[in-house]
Amino acid sequence: MSAVTEPQTPAAEPPVTGVAEIDEALAAVRLDGPVSEHHQQLSAAVEVLQQALRSPRQ
């Protein structure tokens, strides 16, 4: 019996916001790895976003 696999699609580029810290945090999120790591990656990205919203650059 052979295993059926889904076709591989190229990963989409992360969105670009123009705020370097946010763009770097979004680029670091990799949801194709172990599910157990997703929460940590998403939490780190949300923290960067919250910090950028609390202290916007002029």
C-alpha atoms as a PDB file:
ATOM      1  CA  MET A   1       0.000   0.000   0.000  1.00  0.00           C
ATOM      2  CA  SER A   2       1.423   3.404  -0.914  1.00  0.00           C
ATOM      3  CA  ALA A   3       0.837   6.592   1.049  1.00  0.00           C
ATOM      4  CA  VAL A   4      -1.065   9.395  -0.631  1.00  0.00           C
ATOM      5  CA  THR A   5       0.434  12.828  -0.065  1.00  0.00           C
ATOM      6  CA  GLU A   6      -0.950  16.258  -0.716  1.00  0.00           C
ATOM      7  CA  PRO A   7       0.768  18.300  -3.436  1.00  0.00           C
ATOM      8  CA  GLN A   8       3.282  20.773  -2.095  1.00  0.00           C
ATOM      9  CA  THR A   9       2.457  24.428  -2.665  1.00  0.00           C
ATOM     10  CA  PRO A  10       4.986  27.214  -2.299  1.00  0.00           C
ATOM     11  CA  ALA A  11       4.744  29.147   0.952  1.00  0.00           C
ATOM     12  CA  ALA A  12       3.156  32.555   0.626  1.00  0.00           C
ATOM     13  CA  GLU A  13       5.307  35.552   1.390  1.00  0.00           C
ATOM     14  CA  PRO A  14       4.502  37.129   4.755  1.00  0.00           C
ATOM     15  CA  PRO A  15       2.659  40.445   4.601  1.00  0.00           C
ATOM     16  CA  VAL A  16       4.721  43.616   4.602  1.00  0.00           C
ATOM     17  CA  THR A  17       3.581  46.377   6.943  1.00  0.00           C
ATOM     18  CA  GLY A  18       6.442  48.818   6.564  1.00  0.00           C
ATOM     19  CA  VAL A  19       7.299  48.500  10.259  1.00  0.00           C
ATOM     20  CA  ALA A  20      10.539  46.541  10.391  1.00  0.00           C
ATOM     21  CA  GLU A  21       9.897  44.933  13.791  1.00  0.00           C
ATOM     22  CA  ILE A  22       6.457  43.683  12.764  1.00  0.00           C
ATOM     23  CA  ASP A  23       7.666  42.478   9.369  1.00  0.00           C
ATOM     24  CA  GLU A  24      10.522  40.536  11.006  1.00  0.00           C
ATOM     25  CA  ALA A  25       8.166  38.982  13.559  1.00  0.00           C
ATOM     26  CA  LEU A  26       5.709  37.900  10.859  1.00  0.00           C
ATOM     27  CA  ALA A  27       8.517  36.479   8.709  1.00  0.00           C
ATOM     28  CA  ALA A  28       9.688  34.396  11.692  1.00  0.00           C
ATOM     29  CA  VAL A  29       6.311  32.643  12.039  1.00  0.00           C
ATOM     30  CA  ARG A  30       6.519  29.167  10.487  1.00  0.00           C
ATOM     31  CA  LEU A  31       3.301  27.222  10.754  1.00  0.00           C
ATOM     32  CA  ASP A  32       4.555  24.272   8.722  1.00  0.00           C
ATOM     33  CA  GLY A  33       6.551  22.796  11.597  1.00  0.00           C
ATOM     34  CA  PRO A  34       5.371  20.982  14.710  1.00  0.00           C
ATOM     35  CA  VAL A  35       1.998  22.232  15.942  1.00  0.00           C
ATOM     36  CA  SER A  36       3.408  22.412  19.467  1.00  0.00           C
ATOM     37  CA  GLU A  37       5.617  25.324  18.340  1.00  0.00           C
ATOM     38  CA  HIS A  38       2.839  27.381  16.726  1.00  0.00           C
ATOM     39  CA  HIS A  39       1.596  28.929  19.968  1.00  0.00           C
ATOM     40  CA  GLN A  40       5.040  30.196  20.922  1.00  0.00           C
ATOM     41  CA  GLN A  41       5.670  31.682  17.473  1.00  0.00           C
ATOM     42  CA  LEU A  42       2.280  33.379  17.306  1.00  0.00           C
ATOM     43  CA  SER A  43       2.625  34.716  20.857  1.00  0.00           C
ATOM     44  CA  ALA A  44       5.985  36.264  20.001  1.00  0.00           C
ATOM     45  CA  ALA A  45       4.535  37.933  16.895  1.00  0.00           C
ATOM     46  CA  VAL A  46       1.549  39.280  18.851  1.00  0.00           C
ATOM     47  CA  GLU A  47       3.886  40.709  21.513  1.00  0.00           C
ATOM     48  CA  VAL A  48       5.858  42.586  18.841  1.00  0.00           C
ATOM     49  CA  LEU A  49       2.619  43.890  17.332  1.00  0.00           C
ATOM     50  CA  GLN A  50       1.318  45.049  20.727  1.00  0.00           C
ATOM     51  CA  GLN A  51       4.597  46.834  21.460  1.00  0.00           C
ATOM     52  CA  ALA A  52       4.501  48.586  18.078  1.00  0.00           C
ATOM     53  CA  LEU A  53       0.919  49.709  18.705  1.00  0.00           C
ATOM     54  CA  ARG A  54       1.758  50.978  22.210  1.00  0.00           C
ATOM     55  CA  SER A  55       4.744  52.995  20.986  1.00  0.00           C
ATOM     56  CA  PRO A  56       4.151  53.974  17.341  1.00  0.00           C
ATOM     57  CA  ARG A  57       6.949  55.691  15.500  1.00  0.00           C
ATOM     58  CA  GLN A  58       6.289  59.170  14.209  1.00  0.00           C
END
